[in-house]
């Protein structure tokens, strides 16, 4: 693995991104994330206050990878790394996921399609860290900010599924019809709740 330095050119960063993809593809998410987070630290110093969306930030990087796709892949890999490690490692990567998502939102507040997903990632990791009150506040924020985004209701329903099935079903039903492609998934969740009651 090449060393990361402030003098890295785009070709070096692009190679490091690809190395990260190779690691993640082999399910070495912990190693892949460790590398990608160093790349993220390098990219951050290139962002300017005028860049409010990740699309605008594409101008600072001329590699083969699109930042729009890569930042989302990094979030997913952080989630996988959090679930793959032991207890201490698990907790560490949930915190890293929260930190990364918060930084992304701070840099690119107008990338709404990604922001809503990053917010849910923050809430889910808070829940894994047993910070239930903080997690629910974030779910509530997502639903208030993006009332037509079905995944806000789905994740909030998941939050309640183990403790309050009635409330979980209420949130699932609010998600029905918002995106026809997700209706079957929501119906499956509702059926699962009913099966648990039997």
C-alpha atoms as a PDB file:
ATOM      1  CA  UNK A   1       0.000   0.000   0.000  1.00  0.00           C
ATOM      2  CA  UNK A   2       1.308   3.420  -0.931  1.00  0.00           C
ATOM      3  CA  UNK A   3       1.696   6.020   1.778  1.00  0.00           C
ATOM      4  CA  UNK A   4      -0.777   8.885   1.939  1.00  0.00           C
ATOM      5  CA  UNK A   5       0.718  12.349   1.966  1.00  0.00           C
ATOM      6  CA  UNK A   6      -0.555  15.842   1.333  1.00  0.00           C
ATOM      7  CA  UNK A   7       1.352  15.821  -1.952  1.00  0.00           C
ATOM      8  CA  UNK A   8      -0.531  12.879  -3.458  1.00  0.00           C
ATOM      9  CA  UNK A   9      -1.743  13.515  -6.999  1.00  0.00           C
ATOM     10  CA  UNK A  10      -5.086  12.346  -8.321  1.00  0.00           C
ATOM     11  CA  UNK A  11      -3.561   9.260  -9.918  1.00  0.00           C
ATOM     12  CA  UNK A  12      -2.187   8.124  -6.565  1.00  0.00           C
ATOM     13  CA  UNK A  13      -5.493   8.735  -4.810  1.00  0.00           C
ATOM     14  CA  UNK A  14      -7.368   6.921  -7.568  1.00  0.00           C
ATOM     15  CA  UNK A  15      -5.033   3.934  -7.163  1.00  0.00           C
ATOM     16  CA  UNK A  16      -5.623   3.954  -3.423  1.00  0.00           C
ATOM     17  CA  UNK A  17      -9.370   4.062  -3.974  1.00  0.00           C
ATOM     18  CA  UNK A  18      -9.105   1.026  -6.244  1.00  0.00           C
ATOM     19  CA  UNK A  19      -6.979  -0.770  -3.674  1.00  0.00           C
ATOM     20  CA  UNK A  20      -9.766  -0.117  -1.200  1.00  0.00           C
ATOM     21  CA  UNK A  21     -12.327  -1.562  -3.619  1.00  0.00           C
ATOM     22  CA  UNK A  22     -10.188  -4.659  -4.050  1.00  0.00           C
ATOM     23  CA  UNK A  23     -10.093  -5.138  -0.273  1.00  0.00           C
ATOM     24  CA  UNK A  24     -13.835  -4.546   0.142  1.00  0.00           C
ATOM     25  CA  UNK A  25     -14.654  -6.921  -2.726  1.00  0.00           C
ATOM     26  CA  UNK A  26     -12.722  -9.603  -0.835  1.00  0.00           C
ATOM     27  CA  UNK A  27     -14.742  -8.759   2.304  1.00  0.00           C
ATOM     28  CA  UNK A  28     -11.741  -7.164   4.000  1.00  0.00           C
ATOM     29  CA  UNK A  29     -13.928  -4.213   4.969  1.00  0.00           C
ATOM     30  CA  UNK A  30     -11.895  -3.201   8.007  1.00  0.00           C
ATOM     31  CA  UNK A  31      -8.688  -2.820   5.968  1.00  0.00           C
ATOM     32  CA  UNK A  32     -10.554  -1.215   3.083  1.00  0.00           C
ATOM     33  CA  UNK A  33     -12.194   1.353   5.331  1.00  0.00           C
ATOM     34  CA  UNK A  34      -8.924   2.188   7.071  1.00  0.00           C
ATOM     35  CA  UNK A  35      -7.450   3.016   3.653  1.00  0.00           C
ATOM     36  CA  UNK A  36     -10.486   4.876   2.351  1.00  0.00           C
ATOM     37  CA  UNK A  37     -10.744   7.051   5.460  1.00  0.00           C
ATOM     38  CA  UNK A  38      -7.166   8.201   4.841  1.00  0.00           C
ATOM     39  CA  UNK A  39      -8.165   9.059   1.269  1.00  0.00           C
ATOM     40  CA  UNK A  40     -11.160  10.973   2.630  1.00  0.00           C
ATOM     41  CA  UNK A  41      -8.846  12.978   4.892  1.00  0.00           C
ATOM     42  CA  UNK A  42      -6.777  13.905   1.834  1.00  0.00           C
ATOM     43  CA  UNK A  43      -9.826  14.917  -0.181  1.00  0.00           C
ATOM     44  CA  UNK A  44     -11.314  17.026   2.617  1.00  0.00           C
ATOM     45  CA  UNK A  45      -8.560  19.640   2.380  1.00  0.00           C
ATOM     46  CA  UNK A  46      -9.567  20.236  -1.251  1.00  0.00           C
ATOM     47  CA  UNK A  47     -13.187  21.062  -0.526  1.00  0.00           C
ATOM     48  CA  UNK A  48     -14.202  24.728  -0.364  1.00  0.00           C
ATOM     49  CA  UNK A  49     -17.161  26.439   1.358  1.00  0.00           C
ATOM     50  CA  UNK A  50     -18.626  27.139  -2.090  1.00  0.00           C
ATOM     51  CA  UNK A  51     -19.087  23.416  -2.702  1.00  0.00           C
ATOM     52  CA  UNK A  52     -22.490  22.580  -1.245  1.00  0.00           C
ATOM     53  CA  UNK A  53     -23.041  19.315  -3.132  1.00  0.00           C
ATOM     54  CA  UNK A  54     -20.842  16.313  -3.796  1.00  0.00           C
ATOM     55  CA  UNK A  55     -21.384  16.889  -7.522  1.00  0.00           C
ATOM     56  CA  UNK A  56     -19.695  20.292  -7.195  1.00  0.00           C
ATOM     57  CA  UNK A  57     -16.793  18.629  -5.377  1.00  0.00           C
ATOM     58  CA  UNK A  58     -16.115  16.329  -8.341  1.00  0.00           C
ATOM     59  CA  UNK A  59     -14.019  19.215  -9.711  1.00  0.00           C
ATOM     60  CA  UNK A  60     -11.305  18.648  -7.087  1.00  0.00           C
ATOM     61  CA  UNK A  61     -10.619  15.044  -8.133  1.00  0.00           C
ATOM     62  CA  UNK A  62      -9.759  13.773 -11.612  1.00  0.00           C
ATOM     63  CA  UNK A  63      -9.606  10.044 -11.031  1.00  0.00           C
ATOM     64  CA  UNK A  64     -11.557   7.143 -12.511  1.00  0.00           C
ATOM     65  CA  UNK A  65     -13.912   6.964  -9.536  1.00  0.00           C
ATOM     66  CA  UNK A  66     -16.818   9.369  -9.097  1.00  0.00           C
ATOM     67  CA  UNK A  67     -16.888  10.882  -5.611  1.00  0.00           C
ATOM     68  CA  UNK A  68     -20.699  10.715  -5.711  1.00  0.00           C
ATOM     69  CA  UNK A  69     -20.519   6.906  -5.814  1.00  0.00           C
ATOM     70  CA  UNK A  70     -17.411   6.464  -3.699  1.00  0.00           C
ATOM     71  CA  UNK A  71     -18.675   8.306  -0.609  1.00  0.00           C
ATOM     72  CA  UNK A  72     -21.749   6.072  -0.564  1.00  0.00           C
ATOM     73  CA  UNK A  73     -19.611   2.970  -0.977  1.00  0.00           C
ATOM     74  CA  UNK A  74     -17.471   4.148   1.942  1.00  0.00           C
ATOM     75  CA  UNK A  75     -20.516   4.508   4.185  1.00  0.00           C
ATOM     76  CA  UNK A  76     -21.689   0.993   3.298  1.00  0.00           C
ATOM     77  CA  UNK A  77     -18.216  -0.440   3.884  1.00  0.00           C
ATOM     78  CA  UNK A  78     -18.055   1.253   7.298  1.00  0.00           C
ATOM     79  CA  UNK A  79     -21.353  -0.403   8.203  1.00  0.00           C
ATOM     80  CA  UNK A  80     -20.032  -3.785   7.068  1.00  0.00           C
ATOM     81  CA  UNK A  81     -16.787  -3.278   8.986  1.00  0.00           C
ATOM     82  CA  UNK A  82     -18.750  -2.388  12.119  1.00  0.00           C
ATOM     83  CA  UNK A  83     -20.680  -5.644  11.878  1.00  0.00           C
ATOM     84  CA  UNK A  84     -17.708  -7.821  10.908  1.00  0.00           C
ATOM     85  CA  UNK A  85     -15.307  -7.098  13.767  1.00  0.00           C
ATOM     86  CA  UNK A  86     -15.256  -8.081  17.406  1.00  0.00           C
ATOM     87  CA  UNK A  87     -17.040  -6.035  20.050  1.00  0.00           C
ATOM     88  CA  UNK A  88     -14.391  -3.314  20.462  1.00  0.00           C
ATOM     89  CA  UNK A  89     -13.687  -3.127  16.740  1.00  0.00           C
ATOM     90  CA  UNK A  90     -17.394  -3.154  16.028  1.00  0.00           C
ATOM     91  CA  UNK A  91     -17.981  -0.148  18.256  1.00  0.00           C
ATOM     92  CA  UNK A  92     -15.014   1.708  16.785  1.00  0.00           C
ATOM     93  CA  UNK A  93     -16.347   1.457  13.248  1.00  0.00           C
ATOM     94  CA  UNK A  94     -19.843   2.560  14.246  1.00  0.00           C
ATOM     95  CA  UNK A  95     -18.243   5.685  15.675  1.00  0.00           C
ATOM     96  CA  UNK A  96     -16.159   6.139  12.524  1.00  0.00           C
ATOM     97  CA  UNK A  97     -19.292   5.757  10.420  1.00  0.00           C
ATOM     98  CA  UNK A  98     -21.086   8.411  12.468  1.00  0.00           C
ATOM     99  CA  UNK A  99     -18.104  10.761  12.210  1.00  0.00           C
ATOM    100  CA  UNK A 100     -17.773  10.311   8.439  1.00  0.00           C
ATOM    101  CA  UNK A 101     -21.488  10.824   7.805  1.00  0.00           C
ATOM    102  CA  UNK A 102     -21.554  13.961   9.928  1.00  0.00           C
ATOM    103  CA  UNK A 103     -18.561  15.355   8.079  1.00  0.00           C
ATOM    104  CA  UNK A 104     -20.188  14.622   4.720  1.00  0.00           C
ATOM    105  CA  UNK A 105     -23.368  16.434   5.764  1.00  0.00           C
ATOM    106  CA  UNK A 106     -21.359  19.397   7.022  1.00  0.00           C
ATOM    107  CA  UNK A 107     -19.465  19.673   3.734  1.00  0.00           C
ATOM    108  CA  UNK A 108     -22.380  18.979   1.393  1.00  0.00           C
ATOM    109  CA  UNK A 109     -25.694  19.959   3.038  1.00  0.00           C
ATOM    110  CA  UNK A 110     -27.463  20.337  -0.303  1.00  0.00           C
ATOM    111  CA  UNK A 111     -26.751  16.788  -1.479  1.00  0.00           C
ATOM    112  CA  UNK A 112     -30.190  15.919  -0.171  1.00  0.00           C
ATOM    113  CA  UNK A 113     -30.489  12.435  -1.683  1.00  0.00           C
ATOM    114  CA  UNK A 114     -27.290  11.388   0.060  1.00  0.00           C
ATOM    115  CA  UNK A 115     -27.814  13.472   3.211  1.00  0.00           C
ATOM    116  CA  UNK A 116     -31.074  11.680   4.025  1.00  0.00           C
ATOM    117  CA  UNK A 117     -29.284   8.343   3.719  1.00  0.00           C
ATOM    118  CA  UNK A 118     -26.275   9.517   5.762  1.00  0.00           C
ATOM    119  CA  UNK A 119     -28.615  10.702   8.506  1.00  0.00           C
ATOM    120  CA  UNK A 120     -30.207   7.257   8.677  1.00  0.00           C
ATOM    121  CA  UNK A 121     -26.734   5.697   8.811  1.00  0.00           C
ATOM    122  CA  UNK A 122     -25.945   7.917  11.803  1.00  0.00           C
ATOM    123  CA  UNK A 123     -29.174   6.888  13.526  1.00  0.00           C
ATOM    124  CA  UNK A 124     -28.612   3.188  12.843  1.00  0.00           C
ATOM    125  CA  UNK A 125     -25.085   3.301  14.247  1.00  0.00           C
ATOM    126  CA  UNK A 126     -26.276   5.228  17.302  1.00  0.00           C
ATOM    127  CA  UNK A 127     -28.817   2.456  17.823  1.00  0.00           C
ATOM    128  CA  UNK A 128     -26.089  -0.200  17.563  1.00  0.00           C
ATOM    129  CA  UNK A 129     -24.169   1.734  20.209  1.00  0.00           C
ATOM    130  CA  UNK A 130     -27.284   1.555  22.421  1.00  0.00           C
ATOM    131  CA  UNK A 131     -27.846   5.315  22.205  1.00  0.00           C
ATOM    132  CA  UNK A 132     -31.546   4.843  21.593  1.00  0.00           C
ATOM    133  CA  UNK A 133     -32.718   8.316  22.544  1.00  0.00           C
ATOM    134  CA  UNK A 134     -30.192   9.990  20.231  1.00  0.00           C
ATOM    135  CA  UNK A 135     -31.033   7.541  17.456  1.00  0.00           C
ATOM    136  CA  UNK A 136     -34.752   8.225  17.655  1.00  0.00           C
ATOM    137  CA  UNK A 137     -34.152  11.963  17.528  1.00  0.00           C
ATOM    138  CA  UNK A 138     -32.315  11.482  14.240  1.00  0.00           C
ATOM    139  CA  UNK A 139     -35.068   9.254  12.796  1.00  0.00           C
ATOM    140  CA  UNK A 140     -37.567  11.927  13.767  1.00  0.00           C
ATOM    141  CA  UNK A 141     -35.432  14.599  12.078  1.00  0.00           C
ATOM    142  CA  UNK A 142     -35.272  12.590   8.834  1.00  0.00           C
ATOM    143  CA  UNK A 143     -39.036  12.120   8.689  1.00  0.00           C
ATOM    144  CA  UNK A 144     -39.662  15.796   9.444  1.00  0.00           C
ATOM    145  CA  UNK A 145     -37.111  16.995   6.873  1.00  0.00           C
ATOM    146  CA  UNK A 146     -37.950  14.438   4.177  1.00  0.00           C
ATOM    147  CA  UNK A 147     -41.600  13.444   4.738  1.00  0.00           C
ATOM    148  CA  UNK A 148     -41.841  11.684   1.359  1.00  0.00           C
ATOM    149  CA  UNK A 149     -38.728   9.562   1.887  1.00  0.00           C
ATOM    150  CA  UNK A 150     -40.000   6.045   2.707  1.00  0.00           C
ATOM    151  CA  UNK A 151     -36.772   4.806   4.269  1.00  0.00           C
ATOM    152  CA  UNK A 152     -37.100   7.304   7.092  1.00  0.00           C
ATOM    153  CA  UNK A 153     -40.328   5.598   8.171  1.00  0.00           C
ATOM    154  CA  UNK A 154     -38.949   2.121   7.476  1.00  0.00           C
ATOM    155  CA  UNK A 155     -35.886   2.629   9.662  1.00  0.00           C
ATOM    156  CA  UNK A 156     -37.962   4.276  12.383  1.00  0.00           C
ATOM    157  CA  UNK A 157     -40.295   1.289  12.202  1.00  0.00           C
ATOM    158  CA  UNK A 158     -37.318  -1.060  12.526  1.00  0.00           C
ATOM    159  CA  UNK A 159     -36.278   0.908  15.602  1.00  0.00           C
ATOM    160  CA  UNK A 160     -39.597   0.045  17.290  1.00  0.00           C
ATOM    161  CA  UNK A 161     -40.068  -3.466  15.867  1.00  0.00           C
ATOM    162  CA  UNK A 162     -38.570  -5.274  18.847  1.00  0.00           C
ATOM    163  CA  UNK A 163     -40.176  -3.173  21.582  1.00  0.00           C
ATOM    164  CA  UNK A 164     -43.413  -1.702  20.214  1.00  0.00           C
ATOM    165  CA  UNK A 165     -44.783  -3.674  17.225  1.00  0.00           C
ATOM    166  CA  UNK A 166     -47.896  -1.517  17.005  1.00  0.00           C
ATOM    167  CA  UNK A 167     -45.868   1.660  16.593  1.00  0.00           C
ATOM    168  CA  UNK A 168     -43.525  -0.115  14.170  1.00  0.00           C
ATOM    169  CA  UNK A 169     -46.466  -1.109  11.979  1.00  0.00           C
ATOM    170  CA  UNK A 170     -47.747   2.447  12.080  1.00  0.00           C
ATOM    171  CA  UNK A 171     -44.474   3.718  10.629  1.00  0.00           C
ATOM    172  CA  UNK A 172     -44.300   0.932   8.055  1.00  0.00           C
ATOM    173  CA  UNK A 173     -47.786   1.752   6.822  1.00  0.00           C
ATOM    174  CA  UNK A 174     -46.831   5.395   6.395  1.00  0.00           C
ATOM    175  CA  UNK A 175     -44.077   4.258   4.027  1.00  0.00           C
ATOM    176  CA  UNK A 176     -46.479   2.240   1.850  1.00  0.00           C
ATOM    177  CA  UNK A 177     -47.111   3.869  -1.521  1.00  0.00           C
ATOM    178  CA  UNK A 178     -44.311   6.415  -1.293  1.00  0.00           C
ATOM    179  CA  UNK A 179     -42.128   4.332  -3.585  1.00  0.00           C
ATOM    180  CA  UNK A 180     -43.872   1.410  -5.324  1.00  0.00           C
ATOM    181  CA  UNK A 181     -40.522  -0.364  -5.657  1.00  0.00           C
ATOM    182  CA  UNK A 182     -40.316  -0.615  -1.852  1.00  0.00           C
ATOM    183  CA  UNK A 183     -43.923  -1.692  -1.173  1.00  0.00           C
ATOM    184  CA  UNK A 184     -43.165  -5.422  -1.131  1.00  0.00           C
ATOM    185  CA  UNK A 185     -40.307  -4.901   1.332  1.00  0.00           C
ATOM    186  CA  UNK A 186     -42.565  -2.879   3.623  1.00  0.00           C
ATOM    187  CA  UNK A 187     -45.327  -5.499   3.391  1.00  0.00           C
ATOM    188  CA  UNK A 188     -42.787  -8.184   4.367  1.00  0.00           C
ATOM    189  CA  UNK A 189     -41.923  -6.193   7.484  1.00  0.00           C
ATOM    190  CA  UNK A 190     -45.587  -5.867   8.396  1.00  0.00           C
ATOM    191  CA  UNK A 191     -46.118  -9.610   7.911  1.00  0.00           C
ATOM    192  CA  UNK A 192     -43.084 -10.336  10.093  1.00  0.00           C
ATOM    193  CA  UNK A 193     -44.595  -8.228  12.882  1.00  0.00           C
ATOM    194  CA  UNK A 194     -47.895 -10.097  12.655  1.00  0.00           C
ATOM    195  CA  UNK A 195     -46.126 -13.473  12.665  1.00  0.00           C
ATOM    196  CA  UNK A 196     -44.305 -12.539  15.853  1.00  0.00           C
ATOM    197  CA  UNK A 197     -47.610 -11.840  17.545  1.00  0.00           C
ATOM    198  CA  UNK A 198     -48.860 -15.387  16.880  1.00  0.00           C
END
